[in-house]
N, C-alpha and C. Protein backbone atom coordinates (compact mmCIF):
# COMPACT_ATOMS: atom_id res chain seq x y z
N MET A 1 82.16 91.74 124.78
CA MET A 1 82.66 92.48 123.64
C MET A 1 84.17 92.71 123.85
N THR A 2 84.96 92.28 122.88
CA THR A 2 86.41 92.42 122.98
C THR A 2 86.84 93.85 122.67
N ALA A 3 88.09 94.15 122.95
CA ALA A 3 88.63 95.49 122.65
C ALA A 3 88.56 95.76 121.15
N TRP A 4 88.86 94.74 120.34
CA TRP A 4 88.81 94.91 118.88
C TRP A 4 87.39 95.22 118.42
N ASP A 5 86.40 94.56 119.04
CA ASP A 5 85.01 94.82 118.69
C ASP A 5 84.60 96.24 119.04
N ARG A 6 85.07 96.73 120.20
CA ARG A 6 84.77 98.11 120.60
C ARG A 6 85.42 99.11 119.65
N ILE A 7 86.66 98.83 119.25
CA ILE A 7 87.35 99.71 118.30
C ILE A 7 86.61 99.72 116.97
N ALA A 8 86.20 98.54 116.52
CA ALA A 8 85.48 98.44 115.25
C ALA A 8 84.15 99.20 115.32
N ALA A 9 83.44 99.07 116.44
CA ALA A 9 82.16 99.77 116.59
C ALA A 9 82.37 101.29 116.61
N TRP A 10 83.39 101.75 117.34
CA TRP A 10 83.68 103.19 117.38
C TRP A 10 84.04 103.68 115.99
N SER A 11 84.85 102.91 115.27
CA SER A 11 85.25 103.29 113.92
C SER A 11 84.05 103.40 112.99
N ARG A 12 83.16 102.43 113.06
CA ARG A 12 81.97 102.48 112.20
C ARG A 12 81.12 103.71 112.49
N ARG A 13 81.02 104.08 113.76
CA ARG A 13 80.23 105.27 114.13
C ARG A 13 80.89 106.55 113.65
N ASN A 14 82.22 106.59 113.60
CA ASN A 14 82.94 107.83 113.31
C ASN A 14 83.53 107.92 111.91
N LEU A 15 83.51 106.84 111.17
CA LEU A 15 84.04 106.90 109.80
C LEU A 15 83.20 107.85 108.97
N PRO A 16 83.86 108.69 108.18
CA PRO A 16 83.07 109.55 107.29
C PRO A 16 82.38 108.69 106.22
N THR A 17 81.21 109.11 105.85
CA THR A 17 80.48 108.38 104.82
C THR A 17 80.80 108.97 103.46
N ARG A 18 80.51 108.21 102.43
CA ARG A 18 80.70 108.73 101.07
C ARG A 18 79.84 109.96 100.86
N GLU A 19 78.65 109.96 101.45
CA GLU A 19 77.74 111.10 101.29
C GLU A 19 78.33 112.35 101.95
N SER A 20 78.93 112.21 103.14
CA SER A 20 79.49 113.38 103.80
C SER A 20 80.70 113.91 103.03
N MET A 21 81.47 113.03 102.43
CA MET A 21 82.60 113.47 101.62
C MET A 21 82.11 114.17 100.35
N GLU A 22 81.02 113.66 99.81
CA GLU A 22 80.47 114.24 98.58
C GLU A 22 79.96 115.66 98.83
N ARG A 23 79.47 115.92 100.03
CA ARG A 23 78.95 117.25 100.38
C ARG A 23 80.04 118.25 100.73
N SER A 24 81.26 117.79 100.95
CA SER A 24 82.36 118.67 101.36
C SER A 24 82.71 119.66 100.25
N ARG A 25 82.71 120.94 100.58
CA ARG A 25 83.07 121.97 99.59
C ARG A 25 84.53 121.84 99.17
N LEU A 26 85.40 121.47 100.09
CA LEU A 26 86.82 121.34 99.77
C LEU A 26 87.09 120.21 98.78
N LEU A 27 86.29 119.17 98.87
CA LEU A 27 86.52 118.00 98.02
C LEU A 27 85.71 118.02 96.73
N ARG A 28 84.80 118.94 96.60
CA ARG A 28 83.92 118.95 95.44
C ARG A 28 84.66 118.87 94.10
N PRO A 29 85.77 119.62 93.91
CA PRO A 29 86.46 119.55 92.61
C PRO A 29 87.04 118.16 92.30
N VAL A 30 87.33 117.38 93.31
CA VAL A 30 87.93 116.06 93.08
C VAL A 30 87.04 114.94 93.63
N ALA A 31 85.79 115.25 93.90
CA ALA A 31 84.88 114.27 94.51
C ALA A 31 84.79 112.99 93.68
N HIS A 32 84.77 113.12 92.36
CA HIS A 32 84.66 111.92 91.53
C HIS A 32 85.85 110.98 91.75
N ARG A 33 87.01 111.55 92.05
CA ARG A 33 88.20 110.72 92.31
C ARG A 33 88.19 110.17 93.73
N VAL A 34 87.86 111.02 94.71
CA VAL A 34 87.85 110.61 96.12
C VAL A 34 86.79 109.55 96.36
N LEU A 35 85.70 109.63 95.63
CA LEU A 35 84.59 108.70 95.85
C LEU A 35 84.70 107.43 94.99
N ALA A 36 85.82 107.23 94.33
CA ALA A 36 86.01 106.01 93.54
C ALA A 36 85.89 104.80 94.46
N PRO A 37 85.12 103.80 94.06
CA PRO A 37 84.87 102.64 94.93
C PRO A 37 86.13 101.94 95.44
N GLU A 38 87.18 101.89 94.63
CA GLU A 38 88.38 101.18 95.08
C GLU A 38 89.07 101.87 96.25
N LEU A 39 88.80 103.16 96.45
CA LEU A 39 89.39 103.88 97.58
C LEU A 39 88.58 103.71 98.86
N TRP A 40 87.45 103.04 98.76
CA TRP A 40 86.59 102.83 99.92
C TRP A 40 86.55 101.37 100.35
N ARG A 41 87.30 100.53 99.66
CA ARG A 41 87.37 99.11 100.03
C ARG A 41 88.41 98.91 101.11
N PHE A 42 88.12 98.01 102.01
CA PHE A 42 89.05 97.70 103.09
C PHE A 42 89.88 96.49 102.68
N THR A 43 91.13 96.75 102.31
CA THR A 43 92.02 95.68 101.89
C THR A 43 93.28 95.71 102.74
N ARG A 44 94.06 94.64 102.65
CA ARG A 44 95.26 94.55 103.49
C ARG A 44 96.30 95.60 103.12
N ARG A 45 96.22 96.16 101.95
CA ARG A 45 97.17 97.20 101.55
C ARG A 45 96.60 98.60 101.76
N SER A 46 95.33 98.79 101.46
CA SER A 46 94.76 100.15 101.52
C SER A 46 94.57 100.64 102.95
N VAL A 47 94.27 99.75 103.88
CA VAL A 47 94.03 100.17 105.26
C VAL A 47 95.32 100.68 105.93
N PRO A 48 96.44 99.94 105.90
CA PRO A 48 97.66 100.51 106.49
C PRO A 48 98.10 101.81 105.82
N ARG A 49 97.92 101.90 104.52
CA ARG A 49 98.25 103.16 103.83
C ARG A 49 97.38 104.29 104.35
N GLY A 50 96.10 104.00 104.53
CA GLY A 50 95.19 105.01 105.06
C GLY A 50 95.58 105.45 106.46
N VAL A 51 96.00 104.50 107.29
CA VAL A 51 96.44 104.84 108.64
C VAL A 51 97.65 105.78 108.58
N ALA A 52 98.64 105.40 107.79
CA ALA A 52 99.87 106.21 107.69
C ALA A 52 99.56 107.62 107.16
N LEU A 53 98.76 107.71 106.12
CA LEU A 53 98.45 109.02 105.54
C LEU A 53 97.55 109.85 106.46
N GLY A 54 96.69 109.19 107.21
CA GLY A 54 95.88 109.89 108.20
C GLY A 54 96.74 110.49 109.31
N MET A 55 97.78 109.75 109.69
CA MET A 55 98.74 110.28 110.68
C MET A 55 99.43 111.53 110.14
N VAL A 56 99.85 111.46 108.89
CA VAL A 56 100.53 112.61 108.28
C VAL A 56 99.61 113.82 108.25
N ALA A 57 98.40 113.64 107.75
CA ALA A 57 97.46 114.76 107.66
C ALA A 57 97.06 115.26 109.05
N GLY A 58 96.87 114.34 109.97
CA GLY A 58 96.43 114.72 111.31
C GLY A 58 97.48 115.50 112.09
N ILE A 59 98.73 115.12 111.95
CA ILE A 59 99.78 115.77 112.73
C ILE A 59 100.31 117.02 112.05
N LEU A 60 100.51 116.97 110.76
CA LEU A 60 101.16 118.10 110.07
C LEU A 60 100.24 119.26 109.71
N PHE A 61 98.97 118.98 109.51
CA PHE A 61 98.07 120.03 109.04
C PHE A 61 97.06 120.40 110.14
N PRO A 62 97.08 121.65 110.57
CA PRO A 62 96.19 122.04 111.67
C PRO A 62 94.73 122.25 111.26
N VAL A 63 94.45 122.43 109.98
CA VAL A 63 93.07 122.63 109.52
C VAL A 63 92.80 121.74 108.31
N ALA A 64 91.53 121.49 108.06
CA ALA A 64 91.07 120.72 106.90
C ALA A 64 91.75 119.35 106.82
N GLN A 65 91.96 118.73 107.95
CA GLN A 65 92.70 117.46 108.00
C GLN A 65 92.01 116.34 107.23
N ILE A 66 90.70 116.24 107.37
CA ILE A 66 89.98 115.16 106.70
C ILE A 66 90.07 115.33 105.19
N ALA A 67 89.86 116.54 104.71
CA ALA A 67 89.95 116.80 103.26
C ALA A 67 91.36 116.53 102.75
N ILE A 68 92.36 116.96 103.50
CA ILE A 68 93.75 116.73 103.09
C ILE A 68 94.06 115.24 103.08
N ALA A 69 93.60 114.52 104.10
CA ALA A 69 93.82 113.07 104.15
C ALA A 69 93.17 112.40 102.93
N ALA A 70 91.97 112.82 102.59
CA ALA A 70 91.28 112.24 101.43
C ALA A 70 92.05 112.54 100.14
N LEU A 71 92.56 113.75 100.02
CA LEU A 71 93.30 114.12 98.81
C LEU A 71 94.62 113.37 98.68
N ILE A 72 95.35 113.24 99.78
CA ILE A 72 96.64 112.54 99.67
C ILE A 72 96.46 111.03 99.59
N ALA A 73 95.26 110.55 99.91
CA ALA A 73 94.99 109.12 99.76
C ALA A 73 94.90 108.72 98.29
N LEU A 74 94.54 109.65 97.43
CA LEU A 74 94.34 109.36 96.00
C LEU A 74 95.56 108.74 95.33
N PRO A 75 96.72 109.42 95.31
CA PRO A 75 97.85 108.86 94.57
C PRO A 75 98.41 107.58 95.20
N PHE A 76 98.14 107.38 96.48
CA PHE A 76 98.68 106.19 97.16
C PHE A 76 97.69 105.03 97.20
N ARG A 77 96.50 105.25 96.64
CA ARG A 77 95.45 104.24 96.63
C ARG A 77 95.17 103.72 98.05
N ALA A 78 95.11 104.67 98.97
CA ALA A 78 94.84 104.35 100.37
C ALA A 78 93.34 104.41 100.64
N ASN A 79 92.92 103.76 101.68
CA ASN A 79 91.52 103.75 102.07
C ASN A 79 91.16 105.14 102.61
N VAL A 80 90.23 105.81 101.94
CA VAL A 80 89.87 107.18 102.28
C VAL A 80 89.21 107.27 103.65
N PRO A 81 88.21 106.44 103.99
CA PRO A 81 87.60 106.59 105.31
C PRO A 81 88.59 106.35 106.45
N VAL A 82 89.49 105.41 106.29
CA VAL A 82 90.48 105.14 107.34
C VAL A 82 91.42 106.34 107.48
N ALA A 83 91.90 106.87 106.36
CA ALA A 83 92.77 108.05 106.41
C ALA A 83 92.07 109.21 107.11
N ALA A 84 90.79 109.42 106.78
CA ALA A 84 90.04 110.51 107.40
C ALA A 84 89.84 110.26 108.89
N LEU A 85 89.52 109.05 109.27
CA LEU A 85 89.29 108.71 110.68
C LEU A 85 90.55 108.90 111.51
N VAL A 86 91.68 108.50 110.99
CA VAL A 86 92.93 108.57 111.75
C VAL A 86 93.35 110.01 112.03
N THR A 87 92.86 110.97 111.24
CA THR A 87 93.21 112.36 111.52
C THR A 87 92.73 112.80 112.90
N PHE A 88 91.78 112.07 113.47
CA PHE A 88 91.29 112.42 114.80
C PHE A 88 92.31 112.13 115.90
N ILE A 89 93.49 111.65 115.50
CA ILE A 89 94.57 111.47 116.48
C ILE A 89 94.90 112.82 117.11
N THR A 90 94.72 113.89 116.34
CA THR A 90 94.89 115.22 116.91
C THR A 90 93.51 115.78 117.20
N ASN A 91 93.37 116.24 118.41
CA ASN A 91 92.13 116.85 118.87
C ASN A 91 92.50 117.79 120.01
N PRO A 92 91.57 118.51 120.57
CA PRO A 92 91.93 119.47 121.62
C PRO A 92 92.64 118.85 122.82
N PHE A 93 92.45 117.56 123.06
CA PHE A 93 93.11 116.92 124.20
C PHE A 93 94.53 116.45 123.87
N THR A 94 94.75 115.97 122.66
CA THR A 94 96.06 115.41 122.32
C THR A 94 97.02 116.43 121.72
N THR A 95 96.50 117.49 121.11
CA THR A 95 97.37 118.45 120.43
C THR A 95 98.43 119.07 121.34
N PRO A 96 98.11 119.52 122.56
CA PRO A 96 99.17 120.08 123.40
C PRO A 96 100.30 119.07 123.66
N PHE A 97 99.95 117.82 123.86
CA PHE A 97 100.97 116.79 124.12
C PHE A 97 101.81 116.52 122.88
N ILE A 98 101.16 116.51 121.73
CA ILE A 98 101.89 116.30 120.47
C ILE A 98 102.85 117.46 120.22
N LEU A 99 102.38 118.68 120.44
CA LEU A 99 103.25 119.84 120.25
C LEU A 99 104.41 119.82 121.25
N PHE A 100 104.12 119.46 122.48
CA PHE A 100 105.17 119.38 123.50
C PHE A 100 106.22 118.35 123.10
N ALA A 101 105.76 117.15 122.72
CA ALA A 101 106.69 116.09 122.31
C ALA A 101 107.48 116.50 121.07
N ALA A 102 106.81 117.10 120.11
CA ALA A 102 107.50 117.52 118.88
C ALA A 102 108.57 118.56 119.20
N TYR A 103 108.23 119.50 120.06
CA TYR A 103 109.20 120.54 120.42
C TYR A 103 110.40 119.92 121.14
N GLN A 104 110.15 119.00 122.05
CA GLN A 104 111.24 118.35 122.79
C GLN A 104 112.14 117.57 121.84
N ILE A 105 111.54 116.86 120.91
CA ILE A 105 112.33 116.09 119.93
C ILE A 105 113.17 117.03 119.08
N GLY A 106 112.54 118.09 118.57
CA GLY A 106 113.26 119.05 117.74
C GLY A 106 114.37 119.75 118.50
N ALA A 107 114.09 120.16 119.72
CA ALA A 107 115.11 120.84 120.53
C ALA A 107 116.26 119.88 120.82
N TRP A 108 115.95 118.63 121.08
CA TRP A 108 117.00 117.64 121.34
C TRP A 108 117.85 117.42 120.09
N LEU A 109 117.20 117.29 118.94
CA LEU A 109 117.94 117.07 117.69
C LEU A 109 118.79 118.28 117.31
N LEU A 110 118.27 119.47 117.56
CA LEU A 110 119.01 120.69 117.23
C LEU A 110 119.91 121.15 118.37
N ARG A 111 119.84 120.43 119.48
CA ARG A 111 120.60 120.78 120.68
C ARG A 111 120.36 122.23 121.08
N ALA A 112 119.09 122.60 121.04
CA ALA A 112 118.70 123.98 121.38
C ALA A 112 118.39 124.06 122.87
N ASN A 113 118.84 125.12 123.49
CA ASN A 113 118.45 125.38 124.87
C ASN A 113 117.10 126.06 124.82
N ALA A 114 116.09 125.34 125.24
CA ALA A 114 114.72 125.80 125.04
C ALA A 114 114.15 126.43 126.29
N PRO A 115 113.26 127.42 126.10
CA PRO A 115 112.53 127.95 127.25
C PRO A 115 111.50 126.91 127.71
N ALA A 116 110.89 127.16 128.81
CA ALA A 116 109.91 126.22 129.36
C ALA A 116 108.82 125.96 128.33
N VAL A 117 108.58 124.70 128.04
CA VAL A 117 107.60 124.37 127.01
C VAL A 117 106.23 124.08 127.59
N ALA A 118 106.09 124.08 128.89
CA ALA A 118 104.78 123.89 129.49
C ALA A 118 103.95 125.17 129.36
N GLN A 119 104.61 126.25 128.99
CA GLN A 119 103.97 127.55 128.88
C GLN A 119 102.72 127.56 128.00
N PRO A 120 102.74 126.98 126.78
CA PRO A 120 101.55 127.13 125.92
C PRO A 120 100.32 126.45 126.49
N VAL A 121 100.51 125.41 127.28
CA VAL A 121 99.36 124.71 127.85
C VAL A 121 98.72 125.58 128.91
N ALA A 122 99.54 126.30 129.67
CA ALA A 122 99.03 127.09 130.77
C ALA A 122 98.51 128.45 130.35
N GLU A 123 99.00 128.99 129.23
CA GLU A 123 98.62 130.34 128.81
C GLU A 123 97.26 130.37 128.11
N ALA A 124 96.75 131.59 127.97
CA ALA A 124 95.49 131.78 127.24
C ALA A 124 95.73 131.58 125.75
N ALA A 125 94.68 131.64 124.96
CA ALA A 125 94.74 131.33 123.53
C ALA A 125 95.73 132.22 122.78
N THR A 126 95.89 133.46 123.16
CA THR A 126 96.81 134.34 122.43
C THR A 126 98.27 133.98 122.69
N GLY A 127 98.57 133.45 123.86
CA GLY A 127 99.95 133.11 124.21
C GLY A 127 100.52 131.97 123.40
N TRP A 128 99.70 131.02 123.03
CA TRP A 128 100.24 129.85 122.33
C TRP A 128 100.68 130.18 120.91
N LEU A 129 100.06 131.17 120.28
CA LEU A 129 100.50 131.56 118.94
C LEU A 129 101.91 132.16 118.99
N GLN A 130 102.16 132.98 120.00
CA GLN A 130 103.50 133.56 120.16
C GLN A 130 104.51 132.45 120.45
N TRP A 131 104.11 131.49 121.27
CA TRP A 131 105.01 130.38 121.60
C TRP A 131 105.34 129.59 120.34
N LEU A 132 104.32 129.31 119.51
CA LEU A 132 104.57 128.58 118.27
C LEU A 132 105.55 129.33 117.38
N TRP A 133 105.40 130.65 117.29
CA TRP A 133 106.31 131.45 116.48
C TRP A 133 107.73 131.38 117.03
N ASP A 134 107.86 131.49 118.35
CA ASP A 134 109.18 131.45 118.99
C ASP A 134 109.80 130.05 118.89
N ALA A 135 108.99 129.02 118.94
CA ALA A 135 109.50 127.64 118.93
C ALA A 135 110.09 127.28 117.58
N GLY A 136 109.53 127.84 116.51
CA GLY A 136 110.00 127.69 115.13
C GLY A 136 110.70 126.42 114.75
N PRO A 137 112.03 126.49 114.49
CA PRO A 137 112.76 125.34 113.96
C PRO A 137 112.67 124.06 114.79
N PRO A 138 112.81 124.12 116.12
CA PRO A 138 112.69 122.87 116.86
C PRO A 138 111.31 122.23 116.72
N LEU A 139 110.28 123.06 116.73
CA LEU A 139 108.92 122.53 116.61
C LEU A 139 108.69 121.90 115.24
N VAL A 140 109.10 122.58 114.19
CA VAL A 140 108.89 122.07 112.83
C VAL A 140 109.66 120.75 112.64
N LEU A 141 110.92 120.73 113.04
CA LEU A 141 111.71 119.50 112.92
C LEU A 141 111.10 118.38 113.75
N GLY A 142 110.69 118.71 114.96
CA GLY A 142 110.06 117.70 115.82
C GLY A 142 108.77 117.17 115.23
N LEU A 143 107.95 118.05 114.65
CA LEU A 143 106.71 117.60 114.02
C LEU A 143 106.98 116.67 112.84
N LEU A 144 108.01 117.00 112.05
CA LEU A 144 108.35 116.14 110.92
C LEU A 144 108.82 114.76 111.40
N VAL A 145 109.67 114.73 112.41
CA VAL A 145 110.16 113.45 112.94
C VAL A 145 109.02 112.67 113.57
N LEU A 146 108.21 113.35 114.38
CA LEU A 146 107.08 112.69 115.03
C LEU A 146 106.09 112.14 114.01
N THR A 147 105.85 112.90 112.95
CA THR A 147 104.94 112.45 111.89
C THR A 147 105.48 111.21 111.20
N LEU A 148 106.75 111.22 110.88
CA LEU A 148 107.36 110.06 110.22
C LEU A 148 107.28 108.82 111.10
N VAL A 149 107.63 108.97 112.36
CA VAL A 149 107.59 107.82 113.28
C VAL A 149 106.16 107.33 113.46
N ALA A 150 105.21 108.26 113.65
CA ALA A 150 103.81 107.87 113.83
C ALA A 150 103.25 107.19 112.59
N ALA A 151 103.60 107.68 111.40
CA ALA A 151 103.11 107.08 110.16
C ALA A 151 103.67 105.67 109.97
N VAL A 152 104.95 105.50 110.22
CA VAL A 152 105.56 104.17 110.07
C VAL A 152 104.99 103.21 111.12
N PHE A 153 104.90 103.67 112.36
CA PHE A 153 104.35 102.83 113.43
C PHE A 153 102.88 102.50 113.15
N GLY A 154 102.11 103.49 112.72
CA GLY A 154 100.69 103.27 112.40
C GLY A 154 100.52 102.28 111.27
N TYR A 155 101.36 102.41 110.23
CA TYR A 155 101.30 101.48 109.10
C TYR A 155 101.59 100.05 109.59
N ALA A 156 102.66 99.90 110.37
CA ALA A 156 103.05 98.57 110.85
C ALA A 156 101.97 97.98 111.76
N LEU A 157 101.43 98.80 112.65
CA LEU A 157 100.39 98.32 113.56
C LEU A 157 99.13 97.92 112.81
N ALA A 158 98.75 98.71 111.81
CA ALA A 158 97.56 98.38 111.01
C ALA A 158 97.78 97.11 110.20
N ALA A 159 98.97 96.95 109.63
CA ALA A 159 99.27 95.73 108.86
C ALA A 159 99.25 94.51 109.78
N LEU A 160 99.83 94.65 110.96
CA LEU A 160 99.82 93.54 111.92
C LEU A 160 98.40 93.24 112.38
N GLY A 161 97.64 94.29 112.69
CA GLY A 161 96.25 94.11 113.10
C GLY A 161 95.43 93.42 112.02
N TRP A 162 95.67 93.80 110.77
CA TRP A 162 94.95 93.17 109.65
C TRP A 162 95.28 91.68 109.59
N ARG A 163 96.57 91.36 109.72
CA ARG A 163 97.01 89.96 109.68
C ARG A 163 96.38 89.15 110.80
N LEU A 164 96.38 89.71 112.01
CA LEU A 164 95.79 89.01 113.16
C LEU A 164 94.29 88.82 112.98
N TRP A 165 93.62 89.82 112.43
CA TRP A 165 92.19 89.74 112.21
C TRP A 165 91.87 88.63 111.20
N ILE A 166 92.62 88.58 110.10
CA ILE A 166 92.40 87.55 109.08
C ILE A 166 92.72 86.16 109.65
N ALA A 167 93.80 86.07 110.41
CA ALA A 167 94.15 84.78 111.02
C ALA A 167 93.04 84.31 111.95
N ARG A 168 92.46 85.23 112.70
CA ARG A 168 91.36 84.88 113.61
C ARG A 168 90.15 84.39 112.82
N LYS A 169 89.84 85.08 111.71
CA LYS A 169 88.72 84.65 110.87
C LYS A 169 88.96 83.25 110.31
N TRP A 170 90.18 82.99 109.82
CA TRP A 170 90.50 81.67 109.27
C TRP A 170 90.42 80.59 110.35
N ARG A 171 90.93 80.91 111.53
CA ARG A 171 90.90 79.94 112.64
C ARG A 171 89.45 79.63 113.01
N HIS A 172 88.62 80.66 113.08
CA HIS A 172 87.21 80.46 113.41
C HIS A 172 86.52 79.62 112.33
N ARG A 173 86.81 79.92 111.07
CA ARG A 173 86.22 79.17 109.96
C ARG A 173 86.65 77.70 110.01
N HIS A 174 87.95 77.49 110.29
CA HIS A 174 88.47 76.12 110.36
C HIS A 174 87.82 75.34 111.51
N GLU A 175 87.67 75.97 112.68
CA GLU A 175 87.02 75.32 113.81
C GLU A 175 85.57 75.02 113.51
N HIS A 176 84.92 75.93 112.81
CA HIS A 176 83.52 75.76 112.46
C HIS A 176 83.36 74.54 111.54
N ARG A 177 84.24 74.41 110.57
CA ARG A 177 84.19 73.26 109.65
C ARG A 177 84.53 71.96 110.37
N ARG A 178 85.52 72.03 111.27
CA ARG A 178 85.96 70.83 111.98
C ARG A 178 84.86 70.28 112.88
N HIS A 179 84.03 71.14 113.39
CA HIS A 179 82.95 70.70 114.28
C HIS A 179 81.65 70.44 113.53
N GLY A 180 81.76 70.31 112.23
CA GLY A 180 80.59 69.96 111.43
C GLY A 180 79.63 71.10 111.18
N GLY A 181 80.09 72.32 111.30
CA GLY A 181 79.27 73.47 110.96
C GLY A 181 78.26 73.86 112.02
N CYS A 182 78.32 73.28 113.21
CA CYS A 182 77.38 73.68 114.26
C CYS A 182 78.13 74.08 115.53
N HIS A 183 77.52 74.97 116.27
CA HIS A 183 78.13 75.43 117.53
C HIS A 183 77.21 75.19 118.67
């Protein structure tokens, strides 16, 4: 099993289903739009859009990320399940690193002399809220920059991955025909 096959299998297991989206209380008012069949098709344009929008929802919004990703997928005609799946880029393991990187980027851009940023990882749950409040402008700017870079990179990587996948399918089909349809 190749790495791509493992990624595809993991994605299939974790992609939200139309039924789970239909049951979501947050999406109920717009369920008819979110569940439109064209938003659930995997195409060369909708998948990279879904990746980029999933990055935006996953990094910028701390709660209701899947619902937000589904909602912002509507006007961009992005693939809803992909957008929802990509929001998992932020989770309890990656969030401290994302916040740390965002703060460092923001502090560097604002040329702010920052206090130790390893503090929120080491402190108890109440300490990180105070740190977020104190971090303010550098953190917000860093999150915006990080989100933009991640969305652009994710879009490009998904578009490239799509191209490589299609090229592999065509190559396999061509070899299959060249060998008389038998393996």
